Amino acid sequence: MFIGHFAVAYLLIALFPSIPPLVILFGVSFPDLLWPVLVITGKEKVTVNPDSPLQNAIGFTSYPFSHSLVTGSLIAAIPGLVIAYFVSPLAGLVFVAASASSST
């Protein structure tokens, strides 16, 4: 699941060597880091089968924000603006693009 995210990250690291790699790695992981927060706050829904100890016992019922291309990119724009202010405007833009690459 994560190997595709990090393949994009390493491509972006090669294309933009001036951007700190942690910015890009955090960008591709952002939808997956945002998802549990939205589940805890009740914005996204999961079901859990208590009879199974396996990870596949989690049913992804509704996740319209964290893994939506448009909404996820808009949410990623918030930390992207912070990164643009503190690191560089290009770093903020690449962060949002990296996040969008992992949203779908």
PDB file of N, CA and C in Angstrom:
ATOM      1  N   MET A   1       0.821  -1.185   0.000  1.00  0.00           N
ATOM      2  CA  MET A   1       0.000   0.000   0.000  1.00  0.00           C
ATOM      3  C   MET A   1       0.867   1.251   0.000  1.00  0.00           C
ATOM      4  N   PHE A   2       1.866   1.285   0.854  1.00  0.00           N
ATOM      5  CA  PHE A   2       2.670   2.494   0.960  1.00  0.00           C
ATOM      6  C   PHE A   2       3.772   2.580  -0.081  1.00  0.00           C
ATOM      7  N   ILE A   3       4.094   1.477  -0.735  1.00  0.00           N
ATOM      8  CA  ILE A   3       5.225   1.508  -1.655  1.00  0.00           C
ATOM      9  C   ILE A   3       4.975   2.455  -2.829  1.00  0.00           C
ATOM     10  N   GLY A   4       3.740   2.547  -3.282  1.00  0.00           N
ATOM     11  CA  GLY A   4       3.420   3.493  -4.352  1.00  0.00           C
ATOM     12  C   GLY A   4       3.563   4.934  -3.912  1.00  0.00           C
ATOM     13  N   HIS A   5       3.189   5.209  -2.653  1.00  0.00           N
ATOM     14  CA  HIS A   5       3.349   6.565  -2.127  1.00  0.00           C
ATOM     15  C   HIS A   5       4.822   6.954  -2.103  1.00  0.00           C
ATOM     16  N   PHE A   6       5.651   6.057  -1.607  1.00  0.00           N
ATOM     17  CA  PHE A   6       7.056   6.397  -1.461  1.00  0.00           C
ATOM     18  C   PHE A   6       7.808   6.344  -2.788  1.00  0.00           C
ATOM     19  N   ALA A   7       7.291   5.630  -3.771  1.00  0.00           N
ATOM     20  CA  ALA A   7       7.885   5.687  -5.113  1.00  0.00           C
ATOM     21  C   ALA A   7       7.731   7.093  -5.674  1.00  0.00           C
ATOM     22  N   VAL A   8       6.559   7.677  -5.494  1.00  0.00           N
ATOM     23  CA  VAL A   8       6.339   9.068  -5.918  1.00  0.00           C
ATOM     24  C   VAL A   8       7.237  10.002  -5.119  1.00  0.00           C
ATOM     25  N   ALA A   9       7.391   9.739  -3.832  1.00  0.00           N
ATOM     26  CA  ALA A   9       8.244  10.585  -2.984  1.00  0.00           C
ATOM     27  C   ALA A   9       9.676  10.585  -3.488  1.00  0.00           C
ATOM     28  N   TYR A  10      10.202   9.429  -3.793  1.00  0.00           N
ATOM     29  CA  TYR A  10      11.593   9.373  -4.242  1.00  0.00           C
ATOM     30  C   TYR A  10      11.764   9.983  -5.625  1.00  0.00           C
ATOM     31  N   LEU A  11      10.759   9.914  -6.456  1.00  0.00           N
ATOM     32  CA  LEU A  11      10.802  10.614  -7.738  1.00  0.00           C
ATOM     33  C   LEU A  11      10.830  12.125  -7.512  1.00  0.00           C
ATOM     34  N   LEU A  12       9.980  12.625  -6.604  1.00  0.00           N
ATOM     35  CA  LEU A  12       9.962  14.060  -6.316  1.00  0.00           C
ATOM     36  C   LEU A  12      11.254  14.515  -5.647  1.00  0.00           C
ATOM     37  N   ILE A  13      11.834  13.676  -4.815  1.00  0.00           N
ATOM     38  CA  ILE A  13      13.119  14.015  -4.192  1.00  0.00           C
ATOM     39  C   ILE A  13      14.200  14.155  -5.258  1.00  0.00           C
ATOM     40  N   ALA A  14      14.169  13.291  -6.258  1.00  0.00           N
ATOM     41  CA  ALA A  14      15.151  13.374  -7.344  1.00  0.00           C
ATOM     42  C   ALA A  14      14.905  14.605  -8.221  1.00  0.00           C
ATOM     43  N   LEU A  15      13.633  14.954  -8.442  1.00  0.00           N
ATOM     44  CA  LEU A  15      13.311  16.100  -9.287  1.00  0.00           C
ATOM     45  C   LEU A  15      13.545  17.435  -8.593  1.00  0.00           C
ATOM     46  N   PHE A  16      13.384  17.468  -7.265  1.00  0.00           N
ATOM     47  CA  PHE A  16      13.520  18.712  -6.508  1.00  0.00           C
ATOM     48  C   PHE A  16      14.526  18.517  -5.375  1.00  0.00           C
ATOM     49  N   PRO A  17      15.832  18.467  -5.698  1.00  0.00           N
ATOM     50  CA  PRO A  17      16.829  18.197  -4.655  1.00  0.00           C
ATOM     51  C   PRO A  17      16.974  19.331  -3.637  1.00  0.00           C
ATOM     52  N   SER A  18      16.490  20.518  -3.949  1.00  0.00           N
ATOM     53  CA  SER A  18      16.621  21.640  -3.007  1.00  0.00           C
ATOM     54  C   SER A  18      15.584  21.581  -1.885  1.00  0.00           C
ATOM     55  N   ILE A  19      14.554  20.765  -2.049  1.00  0.00           N
ATOM     56  CA  ILE A  19      13.499  20.655  -1.040  1.00  0.00           C
ATOM     57  C   ILE A  19      13.901  19.566  -0.041  1.00  0.00           C
ATOM     58  N   PRO A  20      13.763  19.838   1.257  1.00  0.00           N
ATOM     59  CA  PRO A  20      14.100  18.797   2.235  1.00  0.00           C
ATOM     60  C   PRO A  20      13.262  17.537   2.020  1.00  0.00           C
ATOM     61  N   PRO A  21      13.905  16.379   2.012  1.00  0.00           N
ATOM     62  CA  PRO A  21      13.175  15.134   1.757  1.00  0.00           C
ATOM     63  C   PRO A  21      12.037  14.874   2.741  1.00  0.00           C
ATOM     64  N   LEU A  22      12.162  15.326   3.979  1.00  0.00           N
ATOM     65  CA  LEU A  22      11.087  15.095   4.941  1.00  0.00           C
ATOM     66  C   LEU A  22       9.799  15.814   4.546  1.00  0.00           C
ATOM     67  N   VAL A  23       9.915  16.942   3.890  1.00  0.00           N
ATOM     68  CA  VAL A  23       8.718  17.651   3.413  1.00  0.00           C
ATOM     69  C   VAL A  23       7.975  16.787   2.405  1.00  0.00           C
ATOM     70  N   ILE A  24       8.711  16.196   1.489  1.00  0.00           N
ATOM     71  CA  ILE A  24       8.099  15.357   0.454  1.00  0.00           C
ATOM     72  C   ILE A  24       7.560  14.063   1.056  1.00  0.00           C
ATOM     73  N   LEU A  25       8.323  13.447   1.948  1.00  0.00           N
ATOM     74  CA  LEU A  25       7.867  12.203   2.570  1.00  0.00           C
ATOM     75  C   LEU A  25       6.625  12.440   3.425  1.00  0.00           C
ATOM     76  N   PHE A  26       6.584  13.562   4.113  1.00  0.00           N
ATOM     77  CA  PHE A  26       5.388  13.901   4.881  1.00  0.00           C
ATOM     78  C   PHE A  26       4.226  14.195   3.935  1.00  0.00           C
ATOM     79  N   GLY A  27       4.507  14.786   2.786  1.00  0.00           N
ATOM     80  CA  GLY A  27       3.457  15.091   1.806  1.00  0.00           C
ATOM     81  C   GLY A  27       2.771  13.852   1.270  1.00  0.00           C
ATOM     82  N   VAL A  28       3.543  12.846   0.898  1.00  0.00           N
ATOM     83  CA  VAL A  28       2.915  11.634   0.358  1.00  0.00           C
ATOM     84  C   VAL A  28       2.200  10.836   1.440  1.00  0.00           C
ATOM     85  N   SER A  29       2.583  11.040   2.693  1.00  0.00           N
ATOM     86  CA  SER A  29       1.938  10.337   3.802  1.00  0.00           C
ATOM     87  C   SER A  29       0.775  11.112   4.398  1.00  0.00           C
ATOM     88  N   PHE A  30       0.612  12.370   3.997  1.00  0.00           N
ATOM     89  CA  PHE A  30      -0.368  13.237   4.637  1.00  0.00           C
ATOM     90  C   PHE A  30      -1.796  12.688   4.625  1.00  0.00           C
ATOM     91  N   PRO A  31      -2.330  12.169   3.510  1.00  0.00           N
ATOM     92  CA  PRO A  31      -3.698  11.627   3.563  1.00  0.00           C
ATOM     93  C   PRO A  31      -3.848  10.480   4.559  1.00  0.00           C
ATOM     94  N   ASP A  32      -2.819   9.650   4.655  1.00  0.00           N
ATOM     95  CA  ASP A  32      -2.884   8.520   5.583  1.00  0.00           C
ATOM     96  C   ASP A  32      -2.678   8.961   7.032  1.00  0.00           C
ATOM     97  N   LEU A  33      -2.004  10.068   7.246  1.00  0.00           N
ATOM     98  CA  LEU A  33      -1.860  10.619   8.594  1.00  0.00           C
ATOM     99  C   LEU A  33      -3.100  11.407   9.007  1.00  0.00           C
ATOM    100  N   LEU A  34      -3.767  11.987   8.034  1.00  0.00           N
ATOM    101  CA  LEU A  34      -4.979  12.760   8.298  1.00  0.00           C
ATOM    102  C   LEU A  34      -6.175  11.849   8.575  1.00  0.00           C
ATOM    103  N   TRP A  35      -6.201  10.692   7.945  1.00  0.00           N
ATOM    104  CA  TRP A  35      -7.342   9.788   8.033  1.00  0.00           C
ATOM    105  C   TRP A  35      -7.709   9.402   9.466  1.00  0.00           C
ATOM    106  N   PRO A  36      -6.773   8.956  10.335  1.00  0.00           N
ATOM    107  CA  PRO A  36      -7.199   8.580  11.688  1.00  0.00           C
ATOM    108  C   PRO A  36      -7.740   9.756  12.498  1.00  0.00           C
ATOM    109  N   VAL A  37      -7.224  10.939  12.243  1.00  0.00           N
ATOM    110  CA  VAL A  37      -7.739  12.121  12.938  1.00  0.00           C
ATOM    111  C   VAL A  37      -9.199  12.348  12.561  1.00  0.00           C
ATOM    112  N   LEU A  38      -9.505  12.206  11.284  1.00  0.00           N
ATOM    113  CA  LEU A  38     -10.880  12.403  10.833  1.00  0.00           C
ATOM    114  C   LEU A  38     -11.799  11.273  11.297  1.00  0.00           C
ATOM    115  N   VAL A  39     -11.257  10.079  11.462  1.00  0.00           N
ATOM    116  CA  VAL A  39     -12.064   8.972  11.994  1.00  0.00           C
ATOM    117  C   VAL A  39     -12.388   9.238  13.463  1.00  0.00           C
ATOM    118  N   ILE A  40     -11.389   9.674  14.232  1.00  0.00           N
ATOM    119  CA  ILE A  40     -11.603   9.945  15.654  1.00  0.00           C
ATOM    120  C   ILE A  40     -12.604  11.078  15.850  1.00  0.00           C
ATOM    121  N   THR A  41     -12.543  12.092  14.991  1.00  0.00           N
ATOM    122  CA  THR A  41     -13.485  13.218  15.119  1.00  0.00           C
ATOM    123  C   THR A  41     -14.857  12.904  14.543  1.00  0.00           C
ATOM    124  N   GLY A  42     -15.018  11.751  13.909  1.00  0.00           N
ATOM    125  CA  GLY A  42     -16.318  11.343  13.393  1.00  0.00           C
ATOM    126  C   GLY A  42     -16.630  11.834  11.993  1.00  0.00           C
ATOM    127  N   LYS A  43     -15.681  12.450  11.317  1.00  0.00           N
ATOM    128  CA  LYS A  43     -15.918  12.937   9.950  1.00  0.00           C
ATOM    129  C   LYS A  43     -15.861  11.821   8.920  1.00  0.00           C
ATOM    130  N   GLU A  44     -15.080  10.791   9.208  1.00  0.00           N
ATOM    131  CA  GLU A  44     -15.002   9.629   8.334  1.00  0.00           C
ATOM    132  C   GLU A  44     -15.344   8.388   9.151  1.00  0.00           C
ATOM    133  N   LYS A  45     -15.820   7.364   8.482  1.00  0.00           N
ATOM    134  CA  LYS A  45     -16.370   6.198   9.187  1.00  0.00           C
ATOM    135  C   LYS A  45     -15.631   4.916   8.817  1.00  0.00           C
ATOM    136  N   VAL A  46     -15.467   4.057   9.825  1.00  0.00           N
ATOM    137  CA  VAL A  46     -14.964   2.705   9.619  1.00  0.00           C
ATOM    138  C   VAL A  46     -15.804   1.758  10.450  1.00  0.00           C
ATOM    139  N   THR A  47     -15.801   0.510  10.058  1.00  0.00           N
ATOM    140  CA  THR A  47     -16.422  -0.536  10.867  1.00  0.00           C
ATOM    141  C   THR A  47     -15.337  -1.531  11.240  1.00  0.00           C
ATOM    142  N   VAL A  48     -15.453  -2.093  12.408  1.00  0.00           N
ATOM    143  CA  VAL A  48     -14.452  -3.045  12.891  1.00  0.00           C
ATOM    144  C   VAL A  48     -15.153  -4.345  13.236  1.00  0.00           C
ATOM    145  N   ASN A  49     -14.625  -5.449  12.744  1.00  0.00           N
ATOM    146  CA  ASN A  49     -15.129  -6.766  13.073  1.00  0.00           C
ATOM    147  C   ASN A  49     -14.385  -7.242  14.316  1.00  0.00           C
ATOM    148  N   PRO A  50     -15.031  -7.272  15.471  1.00  0.00           N
ATOM    149  CA  PRO A  50     -14.320  -7.641  16.705  1.00  0.00           C
ATOM    150  C   PRO A  50     -13.932  -9.113  16.771  1.00  0.00           C
ATOM    151  N   ASP A  51     -14.468  -9.940  15.890  1.00  0.00           N
ATOM    152  CA  ASP A  51     -14.160 -11.371  15.919  1.00  0.00           C
ATOM    153  C   ASP A  51     -12.840 -11.701  15.233  1.00  0.00           C
ATOM    154  N   SER A  52     -12.307 -10.776  14.456  1.00  0.00           N
ATOM    155  CA  SER A  52     -11.082 -11.047  13.715  1.00  0.00           C
ATOM    156  C   SER A  52      -9.936 -10.185  14.243  1.00  0.00           C
ATOM    157  N   PRO A  53      -8.785 -10.793  14.531  1.00  0.00           N
ATOM    158  CA  PRO A  53      -7.644 -10.009  15.011  1.00  0.00           C
ATOM    159  C   PRO A  53      -6.820  -9.413  13.871  1.00  0.00           C
ATOM    160  N   LEU A  54      -7.218  -9.657  12.645  1.00  0.00           N
ATOM    161  CA  LEU A  54      -6.434  -9.207  11.503  1.00  0.00           C
ATOM    162  C   LEU A  54      -6.781  -7.785  11.099  1.00  0.00           C
ATOM    163  N   GLN A  55      -5.853  -7.158  10.367  1.00  0.00           N
ATOM    164  CA  GLN A  55      -6.070  -5.797   9.906  1.00  0.00           C
ATOM    165  C   GLN A  55      -7.221  -5.718   8.911  1.00  0.00           C
ATOM    166  N   ASN A  56      -7.470  -6.785   8.174  1.00  0.00           N
ATOM    167  CA  ASN A  56      -8.547  -6.751   7.186  1.00  0.00           C
ATOM    168  C   ASN A  56      -9.925  -6.762   7.831  1.00  0.00           C
ATOM    169  N   ALA A  57      -9.956  -6.781   9.169  1.00  0.00           N
ATOM    170  CA  ALA A  57     -11.228  -6.704   9.881  1.00  0.00           C
ATOM    171  C   ALA A  57     -11.774  -5.282   9.898  1.00  0.00           C
ATOM    172  N   ILE A  58     -10.958  -4.330   9.451  1.00  0.00           N
ATOM    173  CA  ILE A  58     -11.391  -2.933   9.385  1.00  0.00           C
ATOM    174  C   ILE A  58     -12.067  -2.717   8.040  1.00  0.00           C
ATOM    175  N   GLY A  59     -13.310  -2.273   8.078  1.00  0.00           N
ATOM    176  CA  GLY A  59     -14.039  -1.960   6.856  1.00  0.00           C
ATOM    177  C   GLY A  59     -14.079  -0.462   6.640  1.00  0.00           C
ATOM    178  N   PHE A  60     -13.556  -0.021   5.523  1.00  0.00           N
ATOM    179  CA  PHE A  60     -13.519   1.408   5.213  1.00  0.00           C
ATOM    180  C   PHE A  60     -14.873   1.819   4.659  1.00  0.00           C
ATOM    181  N   THR A  61     -15.719   2.349   5.536  1.00  0.00           N
ATOM    182  CA  THR A  61     -17.090   2.671   5.177  1.00  0.00           C
ATOM    183  C   THR A  61     -17.185   3.962   4.381  1.00  0.00           C
ATOM    184  N   SER A  62     -16.602   5.023   4.916  1.00  0.00           N
ATOM    185  CA  SER A  62     -16.701   6.327   4.256  1.00  0.00           C
ATOM    186  C   SER A  62     -15.481   7.167   4.604  1.00  0.00           C
ATOM    187  N   TYR A  63     -14.738   7.559   3.592  1.00  0.00           N
ATOM    188  CA  TYR A  63     -13.615   8.465   3.810  1.00  0.00           C
ATOM    189  C   TYR A  63     -13.600   9.517   2.697  1.00  0.00           C
ATOM    190  N   PRO A  64     -14.570  10.453   2.742  1.00  0.00           N
ATOM    191  CA  PRO A  64     -14.732  11.426   1.666  1.00  0.00           C
ATOM    192  C   PRO A  64     -13.775  12.615   1.735  1.00  0.00           C
ATOM    193  N   PHE A  65     -13.043  12.778   2.816  1.00  0.00           N
ATOM    194  CA  PHE A  65     -12.192  13.960   2.933  1.00  0.00           C
ATOM    195  C   PHE A  65     -10.714  13.641   2.743  1.00  0.00           C
ATOM    196  N   SER A  66     -10.191  12.721   3.513  1.00  0.00           N
ATOM    197  CA  SER A  66      -8.749  12.485   3.504  1.00  0.00           C
ATOM    198  C   SER A  66      -8.243  11.923   2.177  1.00  0.00           C
ATOM    199  N   HIS A  67      -9.024  11.101   1.514  1.00  0.00           N
ATOM    200  CA  HIS A  67      -8.574  10.482   0.277  1.00  0.00           C
ATOM    201  C   HIS A  67      -9.316  10.992  -0.956  1.00  0.00           C
ATOM    202  N   SER A  68      -9.956  12.129  -0.825  1.00  0.00           N
ATOM    203  CA  SER A  68     -10.558  12.786  -1.978  1.00  0.00           C
ATOM    204  C   SER A  68      -9.502  13.679  -2.617  1.00  0.00           C
ATOM    205  N   LEU A  69      -9.427  13.658  -3.932  1.00  0.00           N
ATOM    206  CA  LEU A  69      -8.404  14.443  -4.622  1.00  0.00           C
ATOM    207  C   LEU A  69      -8.576  15.935  -4.360  1.00  0.00           C
ATOM    208  N   VAL A  70      -9.780  16.439  -4.523  1.00  0.00           N
ATOM    209  CA  VAL A  70     -10.019  17.876  -4.371  1.00  0.00           C
ATOM    210  C   VAL A  70      -9.994  18.287  -2.901  1.00  0.00           C
ATOM    211  N   THR A  71     -10.788  17.619  -2.075  1.00  0.00           N
ATOM    212  CA  THR A  71     -10.861  17.992  -0.661  1.00  0.00           C
ATOM    213  C   THR A  71      -9.540  17.730   0.049  1.00  0.00           C
ATOM    214  N   GLY A  72      -8.913  16.614  -0.247  1.00  0.00           N
ATOM    215  CA  GLY A  72      -7.612  16.320   0.353  1.00  0.00           C
ATOM    216  C   GLY A  72      -6.556  17.344  -0.018  1.00  0.00           C
ATOM    217  N   SER A  73      -6.595  17.807  -1.266  1.00  0.00           N
ATOM    218  CA  SER A  73      -5.647  18.840  -1.692  1.00  0.00           C
ATOM    219  C   SER A  73      -5.926  20.169  -1.007  1.00  0.00           C
ATOM    220  N   LEU A  74      -7.192  20.485  -0.819  1.00  0.00           N
ATOM    221  CA  LEU A  74      -7.531  21.721  -0.110  1.00  0.00           C
ATOM    222  C   LEU A  74      -7.090  21.662   1.349  1.00  0.00           C
ATOM    223  N   ILE A  75      -7.264  20.512   1.976  1.00  0.00           N
ATOM    224  CA  ILE A  75      -6.807  20.355   3.361  1.00  0.00           C
ATOM    225  C   ILE A  75      -5.277  20.394   3.408  1.00  0.00           C
ATOM    226  N   ALA A  76      -4.615  19.784   2.442  1.00  0.00           N
ATOM    227  CA  ALA A  76      -3.147  19.786   2.396  1.00  0.00           C
ATOM    228  C   ALA A  76      -2.591  21.175   2.123  1.00  0.00           C
ATOM    229  N   ALA A  77      -3.411  22.042   1.563  1.00  0.00           N
ATOM    230  CA  ALA A  77      -2.948  23.411   1.297  1.00  0.00           C
ATOM    231  C   ALA A  77      -2.666  24.166   2.594  1.00  0.00           C
ATOM    232  N   ILE A  78      -3.316  23.778   3.690  1.00  0.00           N
ATOM    233  CA  ILE A  78      -3.083  24.463   4.974  1.00  0.00           C
ATOM    234  C   ILE A  78      -1.648  24.234   5.453  1.00  0.00           C
ATOM    235  N   PRO A  79      -1.201  22.976   5.631  1.00  0.00           N
ATOM    236  CA  PRO A  79       0.220  22.820   5.986  1.00  0.00           C
ATOM    237  C   PRO A  79       1.140  23.232   4.834  1.00  0.00           C
ATOM    238  N   GLY A  80       0.643  23.157   3.604  1.00  0.00           N
ATOM    239  CA  GLY A  80       1.444  23.604   2.463  1.00  0.00           C
ATOM    240  C   GLY A  80       1.777  25.081   2.543  1.00  0.00           C
ATOM    241  N   LEU A  81       0.821  25.895   3.002  1.00  0.00           N
ATOM    242  CA  LEU A  81       1.088  27.328   3.185  1.00  0.00           C
ATOM    243  C   LEU A  81       2.099  27.569   4.297  1.00  0.00           C
ATOM    244  N   VAL A  82       2.011  26.788   5.355  1.00  0.00           N
ATOM    245  CA  VAL A  82       2.980  26.915   6.453  1.00  0.00           C
ATOM    246  C   VAL A  82       4.379  26.530   5.959  1.00  0.00           C
ATOM    247  N   ILE A  83       4.464  25.452   5.203  1.00  0.00           N
ATOM    248  CA  ILE A  83       5.743  25.023   4.646  1.00  0.00           C
ATOM    249  C   ILE A  83       6.272  26.067   3.676  1.00  0.00           C
ATOM    250  N   ALA A  84       5.387  26.639   2.866  1.00  0.00           N
ATOM    251  CA  ALA A  84       5.806  27.677   1.920  1.00  0.00           C
ATOM    252  C   ALA A  84       6.368  28.896   2.648  1.00  0.00           C
ATOM    253  N   TYR A  85       5.790  29.215   3.779  1.00  0.00           N
ATOM    254  CA  TYR A  85       6.252  30.381   4.545  1.00  0.00           C
ATOM    255  C   TYR A  85       7.597  30.108   5.201  1.00  0.00           C
ATOM    256  N   PHE A  86       7.755  28.934   5.823  1.00  0.00           N
ATOM    257  CA  PHE A  86       8.965  28.652   6.586  1.00  0.00           C
ATOM    258  C   PHE A  86      10.098  28.043   5.761  1.00  0.00           C
ATOM    259  N   VAL A  87       9.782  27.303   4.705  1.00  0.00           N
ATOM    260  CA  VAL A  87      10.835  26.643   3.924  1.00  0.00           C
ATOM    261  C   VAL A  87      11.029  27.376   2.601  1.00  0.00           C
ATOM    262  N   SER A  88      10.068  27.240   1.704  1.00  0.00           N
ATOM    263  CA  SER A  88      10.093  27.956   0.425  1.00  0.00           C
ATOM    264  C   SER A  88       8.751  27.752  -0.261  1.00  0.00           C
ATOM    265  N   PRO A  89       8.353  28.687  -1.132  1.00  0.00           N
ATOM    266  CA  PRO A  89       7.082  28.509  -1.852  1.00  0.00           C
ATOM    267  C   PRO A  89       7.049  27.232  -2.689  1.00  0.00           C
ATOM    268  N   LEU A  90       8.182  26.876  -3.283  1.00  0.00           N
ATOM    269  CA  LEU A  90       8.235  25.647  -4.070  1.00  0.00           C
ATOM    270  C   LEU A  90       8.019  24.419  -3.190  1.00  0.00           C
ATOM    271  N   ALA A  91       8.572  24.439  -1.994  1.00  0.00           N
ATOM    272  CA  ALA A  91       8.395  23.307  -1.069  1.00  0.00           C
ATOM    273  C   ALA A  91       6.928  23.139  -0.696  1.00  0.00           C
ATOM    274  N   GLY A  92       6.219  24.241  -0.476  1.00  0.00           N
ATOM    275  CA  GLY A  92       4.796  24.163  -0.171  1.00  0.00           C
ATOM    276  C   GLY A  92       4.000  23.592  -1.329  1.00  0.00           C
ATOM    277  N   LEU A  93       4.329  24.010  -2.535  1.00  0.00           N
ATOM    278  CA  LEU A  93       3.641  23.514  -3.725  1.00  0.00           C
ATOM    279  C   LEU A  93       3.910  22.032  -3.946  1.00  0.00           C
ATOM    280  N   VAL A  94       5.149  21.620  -3.757  1.00  0.00           N
ATOM    281  CA  VAL A  94       5.497  20.207  -3.929  1.00  0.00           C
ATOM    282  C   VAL A  94       4.823  19.363  -2.842  1.00  0.00           C
ATOM    283  N   PHE A  95       4.711  19.911  -1.619  1.00  0.00           N
ATOM    284  CA  PHE A  95       4.012  19.196  -0.546  1.00  0.00           C
ATOM    285  C   PHE A  95       2.561  18.899  -0.958  1.00  0.00           C
ATOM    286  N   VAL A  96       1.876  19.905  -1.464  1.00  0.00           N
ATOM    287  CA  VAL A  96       0.469  19.717  -1.872  1.00  0.00           C
ATOM    288  C   VAL A  96       0.390  18.738  -3.040  1.00  0.00           C
ATOM    289  N   ALA A  97       1.311  18.844  -3.995  1.00  0.00           N
ATOM    290  CA  ALA A  97       1.313  17.907  -5.133  1.00  0.00           C
ATOM    291  C   ALA A  97       1.596  16.489  -4.666  1.00  0.00           C
ATOM    292  N   ALA A  98       2.514  16.336  -3.720  1.00  0.00           N
ATOM    293  CA  ALA A  98       2.818  15.002  -3.196  1.00  0.00           C
ATOM    294  C   ALA A  98       1.612  14.429  -2.462  1.00  0.00           C
ATOM    295  N   SER A  99       0.922  15.278  -1.731  1.00  0.00           N
ATOM    296  CA  SER A  99      -0.278  14.839  -1.027  1.00  0.00           C
ATOM    297  C   SER A  99      -1.371  14.435  -2.018  1.00  0.00           C
ATOM    298  N   ALA A 100      -1.526  15.213  -3.072  1.00  0.00           N
ATOM    299  CA  ALA A 100      -2.536  14.894  -4.091  1.00  0.00           C
ATOM    300  C   ALA A 100      -2.211  13.587  -4.798  1.00  0.00           C
ATOM    301  N   SER A 101      -0.943  13.274  -4.950  1.00  0.00           N
ATOM    302  CA  SER A 101      -0.569  12.027  -5.621  1.00  0.00           C
ATOM    303  C   SER A 101      -0.959  10.810  -4.794  1.00  0.00           C
ATOM    304  N   SER A 102      -1.141  11.002  -3.497  1.00  0.00           N
ATOM    305  CA  SER A 102      -1.494   9.890  -2.612  1.00  0.00           C
ATOM    306  C   SER A 102      -2.959   9.874  -2.240  1.00  0.00           C
ATOM    307  N   SER A 103      -3.722  10.822  -2.721  1.00  0.00           N
ATOM    308  CA  SER A 103      -5.119  10.944  -2.297  1.00  0.00           C
ATOM    309  C   SER A 103      -6.032   9.903  -2.910  1.00  0.00           C
ATOM    310  N   THR A 104      -5.717   9.454  -4.081  1.00  0.00           N
ATOM    311  CA  THR A 104      -6.650   8.560  -4.757  1.00  0.00           C
ATOM    312  C   THR A 104      -6.403   7.116  -4.426  1.00  0.00           C
TER     313      THR A 104
END
